[in-house]
Amino acid sequence: QRLCVTYPSLHNRVVGFLSNLLREEGGYDFKKSLVGSIVSLMKGAPETTDETLFHLCEFIEDCEYTSLLTHILDLLGDMGPSTREPARYIRYIYNRVILENAMVRSAAISALTKFAA
């Protein structure tokens, strides 16, 4: 986080690196800490919210952990509607309604209602 604050131009590279790690093999704790790091970097540099949320959208397409999915969907519902292009995230959220278990579907519907409000 300090690296991104000191050198803002590196933010996209650091978040890109972390999102690539999310696609690799790893357990729940590893991926949870990566998501937490990505979110804290995004909150530290609000101008990067759009791209950071997009990286998280790509991750939820293949995520196998329900609690991480629901956490990211909640984050998308909270932050997505206020971005420059909110429609960009709706497809990813809607796919979770169709393809996932009941808990994730519920979180996705909750996120979609925040976009509609």
PDB file of N, CA and C in Angstrom:
ATOM      1  N   GLN A   1       0.831  -1.190   0.000  1.00  0.00           N
ATOM      2  CA  GLN A   1       0.000   0.000   0.000  1.00  0.00           C
ATOM      3  C   GLN A   1       0.873   1.251   0.000  1.00  0.00           C
ATOM      4  N   ARG A   2       1.930   1.225   0.764  1.00  0.00           N
ATOM      5  CA  ARG A   2       2.836   2.379   0.780  1.00  0.00           C
ATOM      6  C   ARG A   2       3.451   2.616  -0.587  1.00  0.00           C
ATOM      7  N   LEU A   3       3.765   1.531  -1.271  1.00  0.00           N
ATOM      8  CA  LEU A   3       4.348   1.637  -2.604  1.00  0.00           C
ATOM      9  C   LEU A   3       3.406   2.387  -3.541  1.00  0.00           C
ATOM     10  N   CYS A   4       2.126   2.073  -3.485  1.00  0.00           N
ATOM     11  CA  CYS A   4       1.143   2.723  -4.357  1.00  0.00           C
ATOM     12  C   CYS A   4       0.893   4.166  -3.967  1.00  0.00           C
ATOM     13  N   VAL A   5       0.995   4.473  -2.686  1.00  0.00           N
ATOM     14  CA  VAL A   5       0.822   5.857  -2.243  1.00  0.00           C
ATOM     15  C   VAL A   5       2.033   6.689  -2.660  1.00  0.00           C
ATOM     16  N   THR A   6       3.222   6.113  -2.506  1.00  0.00           N
ATOM     17  CA  THR A   6       4.441   6.825  -2.871  1.00  0.00           C
ATOM     18  C   THR A   6       4.569   6.983  -4.380  1.00  0.00           C
ATOM     19  N   TYR A   7       4.233   5.939  -5.117  1.00  0.00           N
ATOM     20  CA  TYR A   7       4.338   5.942  -6.582  1.00  0.00           C
ATOM     21  C   TYR A   7       2.976   5.601  -7.188  1.00  0.00           C
ATOM     22  N   PRO A   8       2.091   6.580  -7.327  1.00  0.00           N
ATOM     23  CA  PRO A   8       0.735   6.305  -7.834  1.00  0.00           C
ATOM     24  C   PRO A   8       0.717   5.662  -9.221  1.00  0.00           C
ATOM     25  N   SER A   9       1.745   5.907 -10.011  1.00  0.00           N
ATOM     26  CA  SER A   9       1.774   5.331 -11.357  1.00  0.00           C
ATOM     27  C   SER A   9       1.921   3.811 -11.327  1.00  0.00           C
ATOM     28  N   LEU A  10       2.357   3.264 -10.202  1.00  0.00           N
ATOM     29  CA  LEU A  10       2.522   1.816 -10.082  1.00  0.00           C
ATOM     30  C   LEU A  10       1.240   1.104  -9.641  1.00  0.00           C
ATOM     31  N   HIS A  11       0.227   1.854  -9.303  1.00  0.00           N
ATOM     32  CA  HIS A  11      -0.992   1.254  -8.761  1.00  0.00           C
ATOM     33  C   HIS A  11      -1.573   0.199  -9.692  1.00  0.00           C
ATOM     34  N   ASN A  12      -1.720   0.527 -10.975  1.00  0.00           N
ATOM     35  CA  ASN A  12      -2.305  -0.431 -11.913  1.00  0.00           C
ATOM     36  C   ASN A  12      -1.464  -1.695 -12.035  1.00  0.00           C
ATOM     37  N   ARG A  13      -0.165  -1.552 -12.004  1.00  0.00           N
ATOM     38  CA  ARG A  13       0.720  -2.725 -12.085  1.00  0.00           C
ATOM     39  C   ARG A  13       0.586  -3.612 -10.853  1.00  0.00           C
ATOM     40  N   VAL A  14       0.534  -2.988  -9.689  1.00  0.00           N
ATOM     41  CA  VAL A  14       0.429  -3.763  -8.449  1.00  0.00           C
ATOM     42  C   VAL A  14      -0.920  -4.485  -8.388  1.00  0.00           C
ATOM     43  N   VAL A  15      -1.999  -3.786  -8.700  1.00  0.00           N
ATOM     44  CA  VAL A  15      -3.321  -4.417  -8.682  1.00  0.00           C
ATOM     45  C   VAL A  15      -3.398  -5.495  -9.761  1.00  0.00           C
ATOM     46  N   GLY A  16      -2.817  -5.245 -10.920  1.00  0.00           N
ATOM     47  CA  GLY A  16      -2.781  -6.258 -11.976  1.00  0.00           C
ATOM     48  C   GLY A  16      -2.027  -7.502 -11.537  1.00  0.00           C
ATOM     49  N   PHE A  17      -0.909  -7.296 -10.858  1.00  0.00           N
ATOM     50  CA  PHE A  17      -0.127  -8.424 -10.346  1.00  0.00           C
ATOM     51  C   PHE A  17      -0.935  -9.223  -9.328  1.00  0.00           C
ATOM     52  N   LEU A  18      -1.588  -8.523  -8.403  1.00  0.00           N
ATOM     53  CA  LEU A  18      -2.397  -9.202  -7.390  1.00  0.00           C
ATOM     54  C   LEU A  18      -3.579  -9.937  -8.021  1.00  0.00           C
ATOM     55  N   SER A  19      -4.195  -9.336  -9.030  1.00  0.00           N
ATOM     56  CA  SER A  19      -5.327 -10.016  -9.671  1.00  0.00           C
ATOM     57  C   SER A  19      -4.864 -11.230 -10.470  1.00  0.00           C
ATOM     58  N   ASN A  20      -3.660 -11.189 -11.016  1.00  0.00           N
ATOM     59  CA  ASN A  20      -3.110 -12.385 -11.668  1.00  0.00           C
ATOM     60  C   ASN A  20      -2.881 -13.494 -10.654  1.00  0.00           C
ATOM     61  N   LEU A  21      -2.450 -13.133  -9.464  1.00  0.00           N
ATOM     62  CA  LEU A  21      -2.268 -14.133  -8.409  1.00  0.00           C
ATOM     63  C   LEU A  21      -3.601 -14.760  -8.006  1.00  0.00           C
ATOM     64  N   LEU A  22      -4.686 -13.994  -8.101  1.00  0.00           N
ATOM     65  CA  LEU A  22      -6.004 -14.538  -7.775  1.00  0.00           C
ATOM     66  C   LEU A  22      -6.391 -15.677  -8.718  1.00  0.00           C
ATOM     67  N   ARG A  23      -5.900 -15.629  -9.937  1.00  0.00           N
ATOM     68  CA  ARG A  23      -6.232 -16.664 -10.920  1.00  0.00           C
ATOM     69  C   ARG A  23      -5.399 -17.925 -10.748  1.00  0.00           C
ATOM     70  N   GLU A  24      -4.329 -17.832 -10.006  1.00  0.00           N
ATOM     71  CA  GLU A  24      -3.454 -18.982  -9.781  1.00  0.00           C
ATOM     72  C   GLU A  24      -4.037 -19.893  -8.710  1.00  0.00           C
ATOM     73  N   GLU A  25      -3.418 -21.041  -8.545  1.00  0.00           N
ATOM     74  CA  GLU A  25      -3.822 -21.971  -7.498  1.00  0.00           C
ATOM     75  C   GLU A  25      -3.548 -21.343  -6.137  1.00  0.00           C
ATOM     76  N   GLY A  26      -4.399 -21.646  -5.198  1.00  0.00           N
ATOM     77  CA  GLY A  26      -4.209 -21.144  -3.842  1.00  0.00           C
ATOM     78  C   GLY A  26      -5.454 -21.410  -3.025  1.00  0.00           C
ATOM     79  N   GLY A  27      -5.281 -21.436  -1.733  1.00  0.00           N
ATOM     80  CA  GLY A  27      -6.382 -21.706  -0.837  1.00  0.00           C
ATOM     81  C   GLY A  27      -7.203 -20.478  -0.523  1.00  0.00           C
ATOM     82  N   TYR A  28      -8.215 -20.702   0.289  1.00  0.00           N
ATOM     83  CA  TYR A  28      -9.141 -19.638   0.669  1.00  0.00           C
ATOM     84  C   TYR A  28      -8.424 -18.483   1.365  1.00  0.00           C
ATOM     85  N   ASP A  29      -7.586 -18.786   2.348  1.00  0.00           N
ATOM     86  CA  ASP A  29      -6.918 -17.716   3.103  1.00  0.00           C
ATOM     87  C   ASP A  29      -6.036 -16.859   2.208  1.00  0.00           C
ATOM     88  N   PHE A  30      -5.343 -17.495   1.277  1.00  0.00           N
ATOM     89  CA  PHE A  30      -4.476 -16.771   0.349  1.00  0.00           C
ATOM     90  C   PHE A  30      -5.301 -15.820  -0.512  1.00  0.00           C
ATOM     91  N   LYS A  31      -6.382 -16.318  -1.078  1.00  0.00           N
ATOM     92  CA  LYS A  31      -7.209 -15.492  -1.953  1.00  0.00           C
ATOM     93  C   LYS A  31      -7.944 -14.415  -1.162  1.00  0.00           C
ATOM     94  N   LYS A  32      -8.339 -14.732   0.045  1.00  0.00           N
ATOM     95  CA  LYS A  32      -9.007 -13.734   0.886  1.00  0.00           C
ATOM     96  C   LYS A  32      -8.053 -12.575   1.190  1.00  0.00           C
ATOM     97  N   SER A  33      -6.800 -12.881   1.483  1.00  0.00           N
ATOM     98  CA  SER A  33      -5.841 -11.807   1.769  1.00  0.00           C
ATOM     99  C   SER A  33      -5.522 -10.997   0.508  1.00  0.00           C
ATOM    100  N   LEU A  34      -5.508 -11.650  -0.656  1.00  0.00           N
ATOM    101  CA  LEU A  34      -5.288 -10.911  -1.903  1.00  0.00           C
ATOM    102  C   LEU A  34      -6.453  -9.959  -2.182  1.00  0.00           C
ATOM    103  N   VAL A  35      -7.679 -10.436  -2.000  1.00  0.00           N
ATOM    104  CA  VAL A  35      -8.846  -9.578  -2.202  1.00  0.00           C
ATOM    105  C   VAL A  35      -8.818  -8.420  -1.213  1.00  0.00           C
ATOM    106  N   GLY A  36      -8.476  -8.700   0.039  1.00  0.00           N
ATOM    107  CA  GLY A  36      -8.375  -7.634   1.035  1.00  0.00           C
ATOM    108  C   GLY A  36      -7.336  -6.593   0.658  1.00  0.00           C
ATOM    109  N   SER A  37      -6.206  -7.037   0.130  1.00  0.00           N
ATOM    110  CA  SER A  37      -5.163  -6.103  -0.301  1.00  0.00           C
ATOM    111  C   SER A  37      -5.625  -5.259  -1.479  1.00  0.00           C
ATOM    112  N   ILE A  38      -6.284  -5.887  -2.433  1.00  0.00           N
ATOM    113  CA  ILE A  38      -6.774  -5.159  -3.601  1.00  0.00           C
ATOM    114  C   ILE A  38      -7.799  -4.109  -3.181  1.00  0.00           C
ATOM    115  N   VAL A  39      -8.693  -4.477  -2.278  1.00  0.00           N
ATOM    116  CA  VAL A  39      -9.721  -3.536  -1.811  1.00  0.00           C
ATOM    117  C   VAL A  39      -9.085  -2.378  -1.043  1.00  0.00           C
ATOM    118  N   SER A  40      -8.114  -2.665  -0.199  1.00  0.00           N
ATOM    119  CA  SER A  40      -7.487  -1.569   0.551  1.00  0.00           C
ATOM    120  C   SER A  40      -6.703  -0.642  -0.373  1.00  0.00           C
ATOM    121  N   LEU A  41      -6.085  -1.190  -1.419  1.00  0.00           N
ATOM    122  CA  LEU A  41      -5.404  -0.336  -2.399  1.00  0.00           C
ATOM    123  C   LEU A  41      -6.412   0.542  -3.134  1.00  0.00           C
ATOM    124  N   MET A  42      -7.566  -0.023  -3.451  1.00  0.00           N
ATOM    125  CA  MET A  42      -8.593   0.735  -4.150  1.00  0.00           C
ATOM    126  C   MET A  42      -9.112   1.875  -3.267  1.00  0.00           C
ATOM    127  N   LYS A  43      -9.317   1.591  -1.999  1.00  0.00           N
ATOM    128  CA  LYS A  43      -9.808   2.629  -1.089  1.00  0.00           C
ATOM    129  C   LYS A  43      -8.757   3.702  -0.841  1.00  0.00           C
ATOM    130  N   GLY A  44      -7.486   3.334  -0.956  1.00  0.00           N
ATOM    131  CA  GLY A  44      -6.412   4.298  -0.793  1.00  0.00           C
ATOM    132  C   GLY A  44      -6.229   5.202  -1.996  1.00  0.00           C
ATOM    133  N   ALA A  45      -6.700   4.753  -3.149  1.00  0.00           N
ATOM    134  CA  ALA A  45      -6.596   5.540  -4.385  1.00  0.00           C
ATOM    135  C   ALA A  45      -7.940   5.480  -5.107  1.00  0.00           C
ATOM    136  N   PRO A  46      -8.917   6.274  -4.678  1.00  0.00           N
ATOM    137  CA  PRO A  46     -10.273   6.186  -5.223  1.00  0.00           C
ATOM    138  C   PRO A  46     -10.373   6.382  -6.734  1.00  0.00           C
ATOM    139  N   GLU A  47      -9.403   7.053  -7.332  1.00  0.00           N
ATOM    140  CA  GLU A  47      -9.450   7.269  -8.783  1.00  0.00           C
ATOM    141  C   GLU A  47      -9.251   5.969  -9.571  1.00  0.00           C
ATOM    142  N   THR A  48      -8.849   4.916  -8.888  1.00  0.00           N
ATOM    143  CA  THR A  48      -8.615   3.632  -9.554  1.00  0.00           C
ATOM    144  C   THR A  48      -9.763   2.647  -9.347  1.00  0.00           C
ATOM    145  N   THR A  49     -10.869   3.116  -8.811  1.00  0.00           N
ATOM    146  CA  THR A  49     -11.986   2.237  -8.471  1.00  0.00           C
ATOM    147  C   THR A  49     -12.496   1.462  -9.676  1.00  0.00           C
ATOM    148  N   ASP A  50     -12.655   2.131 -10.819  1.00  0.00           N
ATOM    149  CA  ASP A  50     -13.206   1.462 -12.000  1.00  0.00           C
ATOM    150  C   ASP A  50     -12.382   0.244 -12.411  1.00  0.00           C
ATOM    151  N   GLU A  51     -11.110   0.440 -12.577  1.00  0.00           N
ATOM    152  CA  GLU A  51     -10.253  -0.665 -13.029  1.00  0.00           C
ATOM    153  C   GLU A  51     -10.124  -1.756 -11.971  1.00  0.00           C
ATOM    154  N   THR A  52     -10.060  -1.360 -10.723  1.00  0.00           N
ATOM    155  CA  THR A  52      -9.929  -2.345  -9.656  1.00  0.00           C
ATOM    156  C   THR A  52     -11.189  -3.203  -9.555  1.00  0.00           C
ATOM    157  N   LEU A  53     -12.353  -2.587  -9.634  1.00  0.00           N
ATOM    158  CA  LEU A  53     -13.599  -3.355  -9.606  1.00  0.00           C
ATOM    159  C   LEU A  53     -13.680  -4.298 -10.801  1.00  0.00           C
ATOM    160  N   PHE A  54     -13.172  -3.870 -11.942  1.00  0.00           N
ATOM    161  CA  PHE A  54     -13.172  -4.740 -13.114  1.00  0.00           C
ATOM    162  C   PHE A  54     -12.306  -5.979 -12.885  1.00  0.00           C
ATOM    163  N   HIS A  55     -11.155  -5.806 -12.238  1.00  0.00           N
ATOM    164  CA  HIS A  55     -10.310  -6.958 -11.896  1.00  0.00           C
ATOM    165  C   HIS A  55     -11.063  -7.922 -10.974  1.00  0.00           C
ATOM    166  N   LEU A  56     -11.786  -7.373 -10.012  1.00  0.00           N
ATOM    167  CA  LEU A  56     -12.556  -8.222  -9.108  1.00  0.00           C
ATOM    168  C   LEU A  56     -13.698  -8.925  -9.840  1.00  0.00           C
ATOM    169  N   CYS A  57     -14.291  -8.258 -10.826  1.00  0.00           N
ATOM    170  CA  CYS A  57     -15.330  -8.901 -11.638  1.00  0.00           C
ATOM    171  C   CYS A  57     -14.780 -10.101 -12.393  1.00  0.00           C
ATOM    172  N   GLU A  58     -13.593  -9.963 -12.917  1.00  0.00           N
ATOM    173  CA  GLU A  58     -12.976 -11.087 -13.622  1.00  0.00           C
ATOM    174  C   GLU A  58     -12.720 -12.245 -12.670  1.00  0.00           C
ATOM    175  N   PHE A  59     -12.362 -11.932 -11.445  1.00  0.00           N
ATOM    176  CA  PHE A  59     -12.100 -12.985 -10.465  1.00  0.00           C
ATOM    177  C   PHE A  59     -13.361 -13.750 -10.101  1.00  0.00           C
ATOM    178  N   ILE A  60     -14.492 -13.060  -9.958  1.00  0.00           N
ATOM    179  CA  ILE A  60     -15.704 -13.763  -9.531  1.00  0.00           C
ATOM    180  C   ILE A  60     -16.220 -14.720 -10.594  1.00  0.00           C
ATOM    181  N   GLU A  61     -15.771 -14.584 -11.823  1.00  0.00           N
ATOM    182  CA  GLU A  61     -16.184 -15.514 -12.872  1.00  0.00           C
ATOM    183  C   GLU A  61     -15.724 -16.945 -12.563  1.00  0.00           C
ATOM    184  N   ASP A  62     -14.600 -17.100 -11.891  1.00  0.00           N
ATOM    185  CA  ASP A  62     -14.057 -18.434 -11.630  1.00  0.00           C
ATOM    186  C   ASP A  62     -13.834 -18.720 -10.153  1.00  0.00           C
ATOM    187  N   CYS A  63     -14.357 -17.894  -9.269  1.00  0.00           N
ATOM    188  CA  CYS A  63     -14.122 -18.066  -7.839  1.00  0.00           C
ATOM    189  C   CYS A  63     -14.930 -19.244  -7.303  1.00  0.00           C
ATOM    190  N   GLU A  64     -14.298 -20.046  -6.479  1.00  0.00           N
ATOM    191  CA  GLU A  64     -14.960 -21.228  -5.922  1.00  0.00           C
ATOM    192  C   GLU A  64     -15.368 -21.048  -4.461  1.00  0.00           C
ATOM    193  N   TYR A  65     -15.117 -19.889  -3.880  1.00  0.00           N
ATOM    194  CA  TYR A  65     -15.383 -19.656  -2.467  1.00  0.00           C
ATOM    195  C   TYR A  65     -16.578 -18.733  -2.295  1.00  0.00           C
ATOM    196  N   THR A  66     -17.645 -19.263  -1.723  1.00  0.00           N
ATOM    197  CA  THR A  66     -18.895 -18.528  -1.576  1.00  0.00           C
ATOM    198  C   THR A  66     -18.717 -17.241  -0.783  1.00  0.00           C
ATOM    199  N   SER A  67     -17.971 -17.289   0.302  1.00  0.00           N
ATOM    200  CA  SER A  67     -17.832 -16.085   1.128  1.00  0.00           C
ATOM    201  C   SER A  67     -17.071 -14.979   0.395  1.00  0.00           C
ATOM    202  N   LEU A  68     -16.092 -15.342  -0.417  1.00  0.00           N
ATOM    203  CA  LEU A  68     -15.388 -14.326  -1.207  1.00  0.00           C
ATOM    204  C   LEU A  68     -16.307 -13.750  -2.282  1.00  0.00           C
ATOM    205  N   LEU A  69     -17.079 -14.612  -2.911  1.00  0.00           N
ATOM    206  CA  LEU A  69     -18.023 -14.143  -3.923  1.00  0.00           C
ATOM    207  C   LEU A  69     -19.017 -13.153  -3.325  1.00  0.00           C
ATOM    208  N   THR A  70     -19.587 -13.504  -2.181  1.00  0.00           N
ATOM    209  CA  THR A  70     -20.577 -12.616  -1.577  1.00  0.00           C
ATOM    210  C   THR A  70     -19.941 -11.295  -1.125  1.00  0.00           C
ATOM    211  N   HIS A  71     -18.716 -11.369  -0.633  1.00  0.00           N
ATOM    212  CA  HIS A  71     -18.013 -10.149  -0.225  1.00  0.00           C
ATOM    213  C   HIS A  71     -17.783  -9.228  -1.424  1.00  0.00           C
ATOM    214  N   ILE A  72     -17.326  -9.787  -2.530  1.00  0.00           N
ATOM    215  CA  ILE A  72     -17.053  -8.978  -3.716  1.00  0.00           C
ATOM    216  C   ILE A  72     -18.355  -8.451  -4.317  1.00  0.00           C
ATOM    217  N   LEU A  73     -19.394  -9.263  -4.331  1.00  0.00           N
ATOM    218  CA  LEU A  73     -20.679  -8.800  -4.852  1.00  0.00           C
ATOM    219  C   LEU A  73     -21.226  -7.647  -4.007  1.00  0.00           C
ATOM    220  N   ASP A  74     -21.062  -7.730  -2.707  1.00  0.00           N
ATOM    221  CA  ASP A  74     -21.484  -6.635  -1.832  1.00  0.00           C
ATOM    222  C   ASP A  74     -20.688  -5.370  -2.133  1.00  0.00           C
ATOM    223  N   LEU A  75     -19.400  -5.529  -2.323  1.00  0.00           N
ATOM    224  CA  LEU A  75     -18.532  -4.398  -2.670  1.00  0.00           C
ATOM    225  C   LEU A  75     -18.942  -3.795  -4.012  1.00  0.00           C
ATOM    226  N   LEU A  76     -19.238  -4.644  -4.993  1.00  0.00           N
ATOM    227  CA  LEU A  76     -19.692  -4.150  -6.295  1.00  0.00           C
ATOM    228  C   LEU A  76     -21.006  -3.396  -6.164  1.00  0.00           C
ATOM    229  N   GLY A  77     -21.903  -3.902  -5.330  1.00  0.00           N
ATOM    230  CA  GLY A  77     -23.170  -3.220  -5.117  1.00  0.00           C
ATOM    231  C   GLY A  77     -23.002  -1.872  -4.446  1.00  0.00           C
ATOM    232  N   ASP A  78     -22.042  -1.782  -3.540  1.00  0.00           N
ATOM    233  CA  ASP A  78     -21.810  -0.523  -2.835  1.00  0.00           C
ATOM    234  C   ASP A  78     -21.082   0.513  -3.696  1.00  0.00           C
ATOM    235  N   MET A  79     -20.076   0.075  -4.428  1.00  0.00           N
ATOM    236  CA  MET A  79     -19.217   1.014  -5.146  1.00  0.00           C
ATOM    237  C   MET A  79     -19.520   1.120  -6.637  1.00  0.00           C
ATOM    238  N   GLY A  80     -20.062   0.082  -7.223  1.00  0.00           N
ATOM    239  CA  GLY A  80     -20.294   0.058  -8.659  1.00  0.00           C
ATOM    240  C   GLY A  80     -21.210   1.140  -9.193  1.00  0.00           C
ATOM    241  N   PRO A  81     -22.356   1.399  -8.539  1.00  0.00           N
ATOM    242  CA  PRO A  81     -23.270   2.407  -9.081  1.00  0.00           C
ATOM    243  C   PRO A  81     -22.688   3.815  -9.159  1.00  0.00           C
ATOM    244  N   SER A  82     -21.686   4.125  -8.383  1.00  0.00           N
ATOM    245  CA  SER A  82     -21.124   5.475  -8.388  1.00  0.00           C
ATOM    246  C   SER A  82     -19.907   5.617  -9.298  1.00  0.00           C
ATOM    247  N   THR A  83     -19.570   4.579 -10.059  1.00  0.00           N
ATOM    248  CA  THR A  83     -18.436   4.658 -10.976  1.00  0.00           C
ATOM    249  C   THR A  83     -18.851   5.352 -12.266  1.00  0.00           C
ATOM    250  N   ARG A  84     -17.884   5.606 -13.134  1.00  0.00           N
ATOM    251  CA  ARG A  84     -18.163   6.277 -14.402  1.00  0.00           C
ATOM    252  C   ARG A  84     -19.038   5.432 -15.319  1.00  0.00           C
ATOM    253  N   GLU A  85     -18.821   4.111 -15.326  1.00  0.00           N
ATOM    254  CA  GLU A  85     -19.569   3.206 -16.197  1.00  0.00           C
ATOM    255  C   GLU A  85     -20.173   2.066 -15.376  1.00  0.00           C
ATOM    256  N   PRO A  86     -21.243   2.330 -14.651  1.00  0.00           N
ATOM    257  CA  PRO A  86     -21.800   1.277 -13.797  1.00  0.00           C
ATOM    258  C   PRO A  86     -22.322   0.069 -14.576  1.00  0.00           C
ATOM    259  N   ALA A  87     -22.784   0.276 -15.794  1.00  0.00           N
ATOM    260  CA  ALA A  87     -23.321  -0.841 -16.583  1.00  0.00           C
ATOM    261  C   ALA A  87     -22.259  -1.892 -16.890  1.00  0.00           C
ATOM    262  N   ARG A  88     -21.022  -1.516 -16.800  1.00  0.00           N
ATOM    263  CA  ARG A  88     -19.908  -2.427 -17.078  1.00  0.00           C
ATOM    264  C   ARG A  88     -19.910  -3.642 -16.142  1.00  0.00           C
ATOM    265  N   TYR A  89     -20.434  -3.478 -14.949  1.00  0.00           N
ATOM    266  CA  TYR A  89     -20.359  -4.535 -13.940  1.00  0.00           C
ATOM    267  C   TYR A  89     -21.617  -5.392 -13.862  1.00  0.00           C
ATOM    268  N   ILE A  90     -22.705  -4.908 -14.452  1.00  0.00           N
ATOM    269  CA  ILE A  90     -23.986  -5.605 -14.305  1.00  0.00           C
ATOM    270  C   ILE A  90     -23.940  -7.008 -14.895  1.00  0.00           C
ATOM    271  N   ARG A  91     -23.280  -7.182 -16.020  1.00  0.00           N
ATOM    272  CA  ARG A  91     -23.201  -8.513 -16.648  1.00  0.00           C
ATOM    273  C   ARG A  91     -22.540  -9.520 -15.722  1.00  0.00           C
ATOM    274  N   TYR A  92     -21.471  -9.122 -15.065  1.00  0.00           N
ATOM    275  CA  TYR A  92     -20.760 -10.030 -14.160  1.00  0.00           C
ATOM    276  C   TYR A  92     -21.642 -10.405 -12.972  1.00  0.00           C
ATOM    277  N   ILE A  93     -22.350  -9.423 -12.459  1.00  0.00           N
ATOM    278  CA  ILE A  93     -23.233  -9.689 -11.320  1.00  0.00           C
ATOM    279  C   ILE A  93     -24.391 -10.585 -11.742  1.00  0.00           C
ATOM    280  N   TYR A  94     -24.984 -10.271 -12.882  1.00  0.00           N
ATOM    281  CA  TYR A  94     -26.119 -11.060 -13.361  1.00  0.00           C
ATOM    282  C   TYR A  94     -25.718 -12.516 -13.629  1.00  0.00           C
ATOM    283  N   ASN A  95     -24.529 -12.746 -14.118  1.00  0.00           N
ATOM    284  CA  ASN A  95     -24.051 -14.120 -14.332  1.00  0.00           C
ATOM    285  C   ASN A  95     -24.045 -14.914 -13.027  1.00  0.00           C
ATOM    286  N   ARG A  96     -23.800 -14.254 -11.910  1.00  0.00           N
ATOM    287  CA  ARG A  96     -23.808 -14.948 -10.626  1.00  0.00           C
ATOM    288  C   ARG A  96     -25.235 -15.359 -10.253  1.00  0.00           C
ATOM    289  N   VAL A  97     -26.233 -14.588 -10.681  1.00  0.00           N
ATOM    290  CA  VAL A  97     -27.624 -14.942 -10.409  1.00  0.00           C
ATOM    291  C   VAL A  97     -27.973 -16.239 -11.130  1.00  0.00           C
ATOM    292  N   ILE A  98     -27.471 -16.395 -12.329  1.00  0.00           N
ATOM    293  CA  ILE A  98     -27.810 -17.551 -13.154  1.00  0.00           C
ATOM    294  C   ILE A  98     -26.995 -18.789 -12.786  1.00  0.00           C
ATOM    295  N   LEU A  99     -25.722 -18.612 -12.465  1.00  0.00           N
ATOM    296  CA  LEU A  99     -24.805 -19.746 -12.405  1.00  0.00           C
ATOM    297  C   LEU A  99     -24.432 -20.245 -11.013  1.00  0.00           C
ATOM    298  N   GLU A 100     -24.807 -19.565  -9.965  1.00  0.00           N
ATOM    299  CA  GLU A 100     -24.277 -19.906  -8.644  1.00  0.00           C
ATOM    300  C   GLU A 100     -25.336 -20.474  -7.702  1.00  0.00           C
ATOM    301  N   ASN A 101     -24.869 -20.796  -6.492  1.00  0.00           N
ATOM    302  CA  ASN A 101     -25.754 -21.338  -5.458  1.00  0.00           C
ATOM    303  C   ASN A 101     -26.639 -20.230  -4.870  1.00  0.00           C
ATOM    304  N   ALA A 102     -27.557 -20.626  -3.995  1.00  0.00           N
ATOM    305  CA  ALA A 102     -28.563 -19.699  -3.476  1.00  0.00           C
ATOM    306  C   ALA A 102     -27.963 -18.511  -2.724  1.00  0.00           C
ATOM    307  N   MET A 103     -26.934 -18.740  -1.945  1.00  0.00           N
ATOM    308  CA  MET A 103     -26.342 -17.651  -1.163  1.00  0.00           C
ATOM    309  C   MET A 103     -25.713 -16.600  -2.088  1.00  0.00           C
ATOM    310  N   VAL A 104     -25.024 -17.052  -3.100  1.00  0.00           N
ATOM    311  CA  VAL A 104     -24.393 -16.126  -4.045  1.00  0.00           C
ATOM    312  C   VAL A 104     -25.462 -15.432  -4.884  1.00  0.00           C
ATOM    313  N   ARG A 105     -26.492 -16.161  -5.279  1.00  0.00           N
ATOM    314  CA  ARG A 105     -27.590 -15.547  -6.039  1.00  0.00           C
ATOM    315  C   ARG A 105     -28.233 -14.425  -5.229  1.00  0.00           C
ATOM    316  N   SER A 106     -28.420 -14.662  -3.952  1.00  0.00           N
ATOM    317  CA  SER A 106     -29.009 -13.644  -3.079  1.00  0.00           C
ATOM    318  C   SER A 106     -28.124 -12.401  -3.014  1.00  0.00           C
ATOM    319  N   ALA A 107     -26.823 -12.594  -2.872  1.00  0.00           N
ATOM    320  CA  ALA A 107     -25.897 -11.458  -2.827  1.00  0.00           C
ATOM    321  C   ALA A 107     -25.885 -10.721  -4.167  1.00  0.00           C
ATOM    322  N   ALA A 108     -25.987 -11.458  -5.262  1.00  0.00           N
ATOM    323  CA  ALA A 108     -25.991 -10.835  -6.589  1.00  0.00           C
ATOM    324  C   ALA A 108     -27.261 -10.012  -6.796  1.00  0.00           C
ATOM    325  N   ILE A 109     -28.386 -10.538  -6.369  1.00  0.00           N
ATOM    326  CA  ILE A 109     -29.644  -9.791  -6.506  1.00  0.00           C
ATOM    327  C   ILE A 109     -29.601  -8.537  -5.642  1.00  0.00           C
ATOM    328  N   SER A 110     -29.055  -8.648  -4.459  1.00  0.00           N
ATOM    329  CA  SER A 110     -28.899  -7.478  -3.594  1.00  0.00           C
ATOM    330  C   SER A 110     -28.020  -6.420  -4.260  1.00  0.00           C
ATOM    331  N   ALA A 111     -26.933  -6.844  -4.894  1.00  0.00           N
ATOM    332  CA  ALA A 111     -26.047  -5.908  -5.595  1.00  0.00           C
ATOM    333  C   ALA A 111     -26.774  -5.257  -6.768  1.00  0.00           C
ATOM    334  N   LEU A 112     -27.549  -6.050  -7.503  1.00  0.00           N
ATOM    335  CA  LEU A 112     -28.276  -5.487  -8.652  1.00  0.00           C
ATOM    336  C   LEU A 112     -29.313  -4.458  -8.214  1.00  0.00           C
ATOM    337  N   THR A 113     -29.949  -4.686  -7.072  1.00  0.00           N
ATOM    338  CA  THR A 113     -30.929  -3.707  -6.592  1.00  0.00           C
ATOM    339  C   THR A 113     -30.269  -2.370  -6.245  1.00  0.00           C
ATOM    340  N   LYS A 114     -29.035  -2.418  -5.816  1.00  0.00           N
ATOM    341  CA  LYS A 114     -28.318  -1.173  -5.524  1.00  0.00           C
ATOM    342  C   LYS A 114     -28.028  -0.393  -6.807  1.00  0.00           C
ATOM    343  N   PHE A 115     -27.833  -1.123  -7.912  1.00  0.00           N
ATOM    344  CA  PHE A 115     -27.644  -0.455  -9.198  1.00  0.00           C
ATOM    345  C   PHE A 115     -28.948   0.184  -9.674  1.00  0.00           C
ATOM    346  N   ALA A 116     -30.070  -0.451  -9.355  1.00  0.00           N
ATOM    347  CA  ALA A 116     -31.368   0.050  -9.803  1.00  0.00           C
ATOM    348  C   ALA A 116     -31.860   1.233  -8.991  1.00  0.00           C
ATOM    349  N   ALA A 117     -31.339   1.400  -7.782  1.00  0.00           N
ATOM    350  CA  ALA A 117     -31.840   2.460  -6.897  1.00  0.00           C
ATOM    351  C   ALA A 117     -31.409   3.840  -7.325  1.00  0.00           C
TER     352      ALA A 117
END
